Amino acid sequence: MSAKVKVDKYFAALQRLKDRGAPINNDAVALEAGSGRGSIKKSRPAYTDLIAAIESAAKEQADAKTVSDPLPALRQEIALLKSRFDSVLERELCLLHEVYSLREENRQLKMGRPIAVPRPRKPR
């Protein structure tokens, strides 16, 4: 069988795999064409166009799968929102503590009591 006929057989097998939505790789195309695994080799110059077509079809298939599967993007968004929520809660708690401290200081000043201001510590 000539190399041109084999390549045409592989291209037809590639098209069948695309139509079926089956996983596309060199071995799958070779098996679909009725050849053995590993019969499509990069070292054979007659198969360069075929290998390029297989790789582009596999890339298109992977891209279509990631577009149709929103779960990873949604999980990433959930993680981002949780992180933002935690930082907002932390900021809110700090602000509440500051408000409480300022109210206490204000109450002490209104009552005429001196307020103990903490002195900065000297490094040892």
N, C-alpha and C. Protein backbone atom coordinates (compact mmCIF):
# COMPACT_ATOMS: atom_id res chain seq x y z
N MET A 1 0.85 -1.17 0.00
CA MET A 1 0.00 0.00 0.00
C MET A 1 0.90 1.24 0.00
N SER A 2 0.61 2.19 -0.85
CA SER A 2 1.46 3.37 -0.95
C SER A 2 1.26 4.28 0.25
N ALA A 3 2.23 5.15 0.48
CA ALA A 3 2.17 6.06 1.63
C ALA A 3 0.99 7.00 1.51
N LYS A 4 0.65 7.44 0.27
CA LYS A 4 -0.47 8.36 0.06
C LYS A 4 -1.79 7.71 0.46
N VAL A 5 -1.97 6.46 0.12
CA VAL A 5 -3.20 5.74 0.46
C VAL A 5 -3.31 5.57 1.97
N LYS A 6 -2.19 5.25 2.64
CA LYS A 6 -2.20 5.10 4.09
C LYS A 6 -2.54 6.42 4.77
N VAL A 7 -1.95 7.51 4.28
CA VAL A 7 -2.22 8.82 4.88
C VAL A 7 -3.69 9.18 4.70
N ASP A 8 -4.24 8.89 3.49
CA ASP A 8 -5.67 9.17 3.27
C ASP A 8 -6.54 8.33 4.21
N LYS A 9 -6.12 7.10 4.44
CA LYS A 9 -6.86 6.23 5.36
C LYS A 9 -6.83 6.82 6.78
N TYR A 10 -5.68 7.35 7.18
CA TYR A 10 -5.56 7.96 8.51
C TYR A 10 -6.39 9.24 8.61
N PHE A 11 -6.40 10.04 7.55
CA PHE A 11 -7.21 11.26 7.58
C PHE A 11 -8.70 10.93 7.69
N ALA A 12 -9.13 9.87 6.99
CA ALA A 12 -10.53 9.45 7.09
C ALA A 12 -10.84 8.98 8.51
N ALA A 13 -9.91 8.26 9.12
CA ALA A 13 -10.10 7.81 10.50
C ALA A 13 -10.16 9.00 11.45
N LEU A 14 -9.32 10.00 11.21
CA LEU A 14 -9.34 11.21 12.04
C LEU A 14 -10.70 11.89 11.95
N GLN A 15 -11.24 11.98 10.74
CA GLN A 15 -12.54 12.62 10.56
C GLN A 15 -13.64 11.84 11.29
N ARG A 16 -13.57 10.51 11.24
CA ARG A 16 -14.57 9.70 11.96
C ARG A 16 -14.49 9.94 13.46
N LEU A 17 -13.27 10.03 13.98
CA LEU A 17 -13.10 10.29 15.42
C LEU A 17 -13.65 11.67 15.79
N LYS A 18 -13.41 12.66 14.93
CA LYS A 18 -13.95 14.00 15.18
C LYS A 18 -15.47 13.97 15.22
N ASP A 19 -16.06 13.29 14.23
CA ASP A 19 -17.53 13.23 14.14
C ASP A 19 -18.13 12.53 15.35
N ARG A 20 -17.45 11.52 15.83
CA ARG A 20 -17.94 10.74 16.97
C ARG A 20 -17.68 11.43 18.30
N GLY A 21 -16.70 12.34 18.33
CA GLY A 21 -16.34 13.01 19.58
C GLY A 21 -15.45 12.16 20.47
N ALA A 22 -14.82 11.17 19.89
CA ALA A 22 -13.93 10.29 20.65
C ALA A 22 -12.60 11.01 20.91
N PRO A 23 -11.87 10.58 21.95
CA PRO A 23 -10.56 11.19 22.21
C PRO A 23 -9.63 11.03 21.01
N ILE A 24 -8.91 12.11 20.70
CA ILE A 24 -8.08 12.10 19.50
C ILE A 24 -6.61 12.14 19.90
N ASN A 25 -5.86 11.14 19.42
CA ASN A 25 -4.40 11.11 19.54
C ASN A 25 -3.87 10.19 18.44
N ASN A 26 -2.57 10.11 18.32
CA ASN A 26 -1.98 9.31 17.23
C ASN A 26 -2.42 7.86 17.28
N ASP A 27 -2.41 7.28 18.46
CA ASP A 27 -2.78 5.86 18.59
C ASP A 27 -4.25 5.63 18.26
N ALA A 28 -5.12 6.53 18.69
CA ALA A 28 -6.55 6.37 18.41
C ALA A 28 -6.82 6.44 16.91
N VAL A 29 -6.14 7.35 16.23
CA VAL A 29 -6.30 7.46 14.78
C VAL A 29 -5.79 6.20 14.10
N ALA A 30 -4.65 5.70 14.54
CA ALA A 30 -4.08 4.49 13.94
C ALA A 30 -5.01 3.30 14.14
N LEU A 31 -5.54 3.14 15.34
CA LEU A 31 -6.46 2.02 15.60
C LEU A 31 -7.75 2.16 14.80
N GLU A 32 -8.26 3.37 14.68
CA GLU A 32 -9.48 3.61 13.91
C GLU A 32 -9.26 3.28 12.43
N ALA A 33 -8.03 3.51 11.97
CA ALA A 33 -7.71 3.22 10.57
C ALA A 33 -7.40 1.75 10.34
N GLY A 34 -7.35 0.96 11.38
CA GLY A 34 -7.09 -0.47 11.23
C GLY A 34 -5.62 -0.82 11.33
N SER A 35 -4.79 0.11 11.75
CA SER A 35 -3.36 -0.16 11.93
C SER A 35 -3.08 -0.35 13.42
N GLY A 36 -1.87 -0.69 13.73
CA GLY A 36 -1.50 -0.90 15.12
C GLY A 36 -1.09 0.40 15.81
N ARG A 37 -1.08 0.33 17.13
CA ARG A 37 -0.62 1.50 17.89
C ARG A 37 0.82 1.80 17.50
N GLY A 38 1.15 3.05 17.47
CA GLY A 38 2.52 3.44 17.17
C GLY A 38 2.87 3.43 15.70
N SER A 39 1.90 3.18 14.85
CA SER A 39 2.22 3.17 13.41
C SER A 39 2.34 4.57 12.84
N ILE A 40 1.82 5.57 13.55
CA ILE A 40 1.99 6.96 13.12
C ILE A 40 3.17 7.51 13.91
N LYS A 41 4.29 7.68 13.21
CA LYS A 41 5.51 8.13 13.88
C LYS A 41 5.93 9.49 13.35
N LYS A 42 6.45 10.31 14.25
CA LYS A 42 6.91 11.64 13.85
C LYS A 42 8.14 11.55 12.95
N SER A 43 8.86 10.45 13.03
CA SER A 43 10.09 10.32 12.25
C SER A 43 9.82 10.06 10.77
N ARG A 44 8.58 9.73 10.42
CA ARG A 44 8.25 9.46 9.01
C ARG A 44 7.77 10.75 8.35
N PRO A 45 8.51 11.20 7.33
CA PRO A 45 8.17 12.48 6.70
C PRO A 45 6.80 12.50 6.03
N ALA A 46 6.29 11.38 5.62
CA ALA A 46 4.99 11.34 4.94
C ALA A 46 3.85 11.68 5.90
N TYR A 47 4.09 11.56 7.21
CA TYR A 47 3.03 11.76 8.19
C TYR A 47 3.05 13.15 8.85
N THR A 48 3.89 14.07 8.40
CA THR A 48 4.00 15.37 9.07
C THR A 48 2.67 16.14 9.03
N ASP A 49 2.01 16.14 7.87
CA ASP A 49 0.72 16.84 7.76
C ASP A 49 -0.34 16.15 8.62
N LEU A 50 -0.31 14.83 8.62
CA LEU A 50 -1.27 14.07 9.43
C LEU A 50 -1.07 14.35 10.91
N ILE A 51 0.15 14.35 11.37
CA ILE A 51 0.44 14.59 12.78
C ILE A 51 0.03 16.00 13.17
N ALA A 52 0.27 16.96 12.30
CA ALA A 52 -0.16 18.33 12.58
C ALA A 52 -1.69 18.41 12.68
N ALA A 53 -2.39 17.71 11.79
CA ALA A 53 -3.85 17.70 11.81
C ALA A 53 -4.37 17.02 13.08
N ILE A 54 -3.72 15.94 13.50
CA ILE A 54 -4.13 15.24 14.72
C ILE A 54 -3.93 16.14 15.94
N GLU A 55 -2.78 16.82 15.99
CA GLU A 55 -2.50 17.70 17.14
C GLU A 55 -3.48 18.86 17.19
N SER A 56 -3.80 19.44 16.03
CA SER A 56 -4.75 20.56 16.04
C SER A 56 -6.15 20.09 16.41
N ALA A 57 -6.54 18.91 15.95
CA ALA A 57 -7.86 18.38 16.31
C ALA A 57 -7.93 18.07 17.80
N ALA A 58 -6.85 17.54 18.36
CA ALA A 58 -6.82 17.25 19.80
C ALA A 58 -6.88 18.54 20.60
N LYS A 59 -6.20 19.58 20.13
CA LYS A 59 -6.24 20.88 20.81
C LYS A 59 -7.63 21.48 20.76
N GLU A 60 -8.27 21.43 19.59
CA GLU A 60 -9.64 21.93 19.46
C GLU A 60 -10.58 21.18 20.39
N GLN A 61 -10.40 19.87 20.46
CA GLN A 61 -11.25 19.05 21.32
C GLN A 61 -11.05 19.42 22.79
N ALA A 62 -9.81 19.65 23.20
CA ALA A 62 -9.53 20.02 24.59
C ALA A 62 -10.10 21.41 24.89
N ASP A 63 -9.96 22.34 23.94
CA ASP A 63 -10.51 23.68 24.14
C ASP A 63 -12.03 23.64 24.26
N ALA A 64 -12.68 22.84 23.43
CA ALA A 64 -14.13 22.73 23.48
C ALA A 64 -14.57 22.13 24.81
N LYS A 65 -13.79 21.21 25.33
CA LYS A 65 -14.14 20.58 26.60
C LYS A 65 -14.04 21.58 27.75
N THR A 66 -12.99 22.42 27.75
CA THR A 66 -12.85 23.40 28.83
C THR A 66 -13.92 24.48 28.74
N VAL A 67 -14.33 24.84 27.52
CA VAL A 67 -15.39 25.83 27.38
C VAL A 67 -16.71 25.26 27.85
N SER A 68 -16.97 24.00 27.56
CA SER A 68 -18.24 23.40 27.93
C SER A 68 -18.30 22.98 29.40
N ASP A 69 -17.16 22.92 30.07
CA ASP A 69 -17.13 22.51 31.47
C ASP A 69 -16.82 23.73 32.34
N PRO A 70 -17.85 24.39 32.89
CA PRO A 70 -17.62 25.61 33.66
C PRO A 70 -17.18 25.36 35.10
N LEU A 71 -17.15 24.13 35.56
CA LEU A 71 -16.85 23.85 36.96
C LEU A 71 -15.50 24.37 37.43
N PRO A 72 -14.41 24.16 36.71
CA PRO A 72 -13.13 24.68 37.21
C PRO A 72 -13.14 26.20 37.37
N ALA A 73 -13.73 26.90 36.42
CA ALA A 73 -13.78 28.36 36.53
C ALA A 73 -14.66 28.78 37.71
N LEU A 74 -15.75 28.08 37.91
CA LEU A 74 -16.63 28.41 39.03
C LEU A 74 -15.97 28.11 40.37
N ARG A 75 -15.24 27.02 40.44
CA ARG A 75 -14.52 26.70 41.69
C ARG A 75 -13.46 27.75 42.00
N GLN A 76 -12.79 28.22 40.97
CA GLN A 76 -11.78 29.25 41.15
C GLN A 76 -12.45 30.55 41.62
N GLU A 77 -13.59 30.87 41.05
CA GLU A 77 -14.31 32.08 41.46
C GLU A 77 -14.79 31.96 42.90
N ILE A 78 -15.25 30.78 43.29
CA ILE A 78 -15.69 30.56 44.67
C ILE A 78 -14.53 30.76 45.64
N ALA A 79 -13.37 30.23 45.29
CA ALA A 79 -12.19 30.39 46.15
C ALA A 79 -11.81 31.86 46.27
N LEU A 80 -11.88 32.59 45.17
CA LEU A 80 -11.57 34.02 45.19
C LEU A 80 -12.56 34.78 46.07
N LEU A 81 -13.84 34.46 45.94
CA LEU A 81 -14.86 35.13 46.74
C LEU A 81 -14.71 34.80 48.23
N LYS A 82 -14.36 33.56 48.55
CA LYS A 82 -14.14 33.20 49.95
C LYS A 82 -12.97 33.99 50.53
N SER A 83 -11.93 34.12 49.75
CA SER A 83 -10.76 34.87 50.21
C SER A 83 -11.13 36.33 50.44
N ARG A 84 -11.87 36.91 49.51
CA ARG A 84 -12.31 38.30 49.69
C ARG A 84 -13.21 38.44 50.91
N PHE A 85 -14.11 37.49 51.09
CA PHE A 85 -15.03 37.51 52.23
C PHE A 85 -14.26 37.46 53.55
N ASP A 86 -13.25 36.59 53.61
CA ASP A 86 -12.45 36.49 54.83
C ASP A 86 -11.71 37.79 55.13
N SER A 87 -11.16 38.41 54.09
CA SER A 87 -10.44 39.67 54.32
C SER A 87 -11.40 40.78 54.73
N VAL A 88 -12.60 40.78 54.18
CA VAL A 88 -13.60 41.79 54.57
C VAL A 88 -14.03 41.58 56.02
N LEU A 89 -14.22 40.32 56.41
CA LEU A 89 -14.58 40.04 57.81
C LEU A 89 -13.47 40.47 58.76
N GLU A 90 -12.24 40.21 58.38
CA GLU A 90 -11.11 40.60 59.22
C GLU A 90 -11.06 42.12 59.38
N ARG A 91 -11.25 42.83 58.28
CA ARG A 91 -11.25 44.29 58.34
C ARG A 91 -12.40 44.79 59.20
N GLU A 92 -13.56 44.17 59.06
CA GLU A 92 -14.74 44.56 59.85
C GLU A 92 -14.49 44.37 61.34
N LEU A 93 -13.87 43.26 61.71
CA LEU A 93 -13.57 43.01 63.12
C LEU A 93 -12.58 44.04 63.66
N CYS A 94 -11.58 44.37 62.86
CA CYS A 94 -10.61 45.39 63.29
C CYS A 94 -11.30 46.74 63.50
N LEU A 95 -12.19 47.09 62.60
CA LEU A 95 -12.90 48.35 62.72
C LEU A 95 -13.83 48.35 63.94
N LEU A 96 -14.49 47.23 64.19
CA LEU A 96 -15.35 47.14 65.37
C LEU A 96 -14.53 47.28 66.65
N HIS A 97 -13.36 46.67 66.69
CA HIS A 97 -12.49 46.79 67.85
C HIS A 97 -12.06 48.25 68.04
N GLU A 98 -11.72 48.91 66.95
CA GLU A 98 -11.32 50.31 67.03
C GLU A 98 -12.48 51.19 67.51
N VAL A 99 -13.68 50.94 67.02
CA VAL A 99 -14.86 51.70 67.45
C VAL A 99 -15.08 51.49 68.94
N TYR A 100 -14.97 50.24 69.38
CA TYR A 100 -15.17 49.96 70.80
C TYR A 100 -14.12 50.70 71.64
N SER A 101 -12.86 50.67 71.20
CA SER A 101 -11.79 51.35 71.94
C SER A 101 -12.02 52.85 71.99
N LEU A 102 -12.43 53.43 70.87
CA LEU A 102 -12.67 54.87 70.84
C LEU A 102 -13.88 55.26 71.70
N ARG A 103 -14.91 54.45 71.71
CA ARG A 103 -16.07 54.74 72.57
C ARG A 103 -15.69 54.68 74.04
N GLU A 104 -14.87 53.70 74.37
CA GLU A 104 -14.43 53.57 75.76
C GLU A 104 -13.57 54.77 76.15
N GLU A 105 -12.67 55.17 75.25
CA GLU A 105 -11.83 56.33 75.51
C GLU A 105 -12.70 57.59 75.65
N ASN A 106 -13.68 57.74 74.80
CA ASN A 106 -14.58 58.89 74.86
C ASN A 106 -15.35 58.90 76.18
N ARG A 107 -15.82 57.73 76.60
CA ARG A 107 -16.56 57.63 77.87
C ARG A 107 -15.67 58.02 79.04
N GLN A 108 -14.41 57.55 78.99
CA GLN A 108 -13.47 57.87 80.07
C GLN A 108 -13.19 59.38 80.11
N LEU A 109 -13.04 60.00 78.95
CA LEU A 109 -12.77 61.44 78.89
C LEU A 109 -13.96 62.25 79.40
N LYS A 110 -15.16 61.82 79.09
CA LYS A 110 -16.36 62.52 79.55
C LYS A 110 -16.50 62.44 81.07
N MET A 111 -16.02 61.35 81.63
CA MET A 111 -16.11 61.19 83.09
C MET A 111 -14.96 61.91 83.79
N GLY A 112 -14.01 62.44 83.03
CA GLY A 112 -12.90 63.18 83.62
C GLY A 112 -11.79 62.29 84.14
N ARG A 113 -11.74 61.08 83.76
CA ARG A 113 -10.68 60.18 84.21
C ARG A 113 -9.51 60.23 83.22
N PRO A 114 -8.32 60.16 83.75
CA PRO A 114 -7.17 60.12 82.84
C PRO A 114 -7.11 58.76 82.12
N ILE A 115 -6.60 58.80 80.94
CA ILE A 115 -6.51 57.58 80.13
C ILE A 115 -5.06 57.13 80.08
N ALA A 116 -4.86 55.87 80.33
CA ALA A 116 -3.51 55.31 80.27
C ALA A 116 -3.16 55.06 78.80
N VAL A 117 -2.18 55.81 78.35
CA VAL A 117 -1.71 55.64 76.97
C VAL A 117 -0.51 54.72 77.01
N PRO A 118 -0.55 53.63 76.29
CA PRO A 118 0.59 52.69 76.34
C PRO A 118 1.83 53.33 75.73
N ARG A 119 2.95 53.17 76.43
CA ARG A 119 4.22 53.70 75.96
C ARG A 119 4.87 52.69 75.01
N PRO A 120 5.52 53.20 74.01
CA PRO A 120 6.22 52.24 73.14
C PRO A 120 7.41 51.63 73.87
N ARG A 121 7.60 50.39 73.66
CA ARG A 121 8.70 49.67 74.33
C ARG A 121 10.00 49.94 73.62
N LYS A 122 11.04 50.01 74.43
CA LYS A 122 12.37 50.20 73.87
C LYS A 122 12.93 48.85 73.46
N PRO A 123 13.58 48.80 72.31
CA PRO A 123 14.18 47.52 71.89
C PRO A 123 15.33 47.15 72.80
N ARG A 124 15.47 45.90 73.08
CA ARG A 124 16.54 45.41 73.98
C ARG A 124 17.73 45.00 73.22
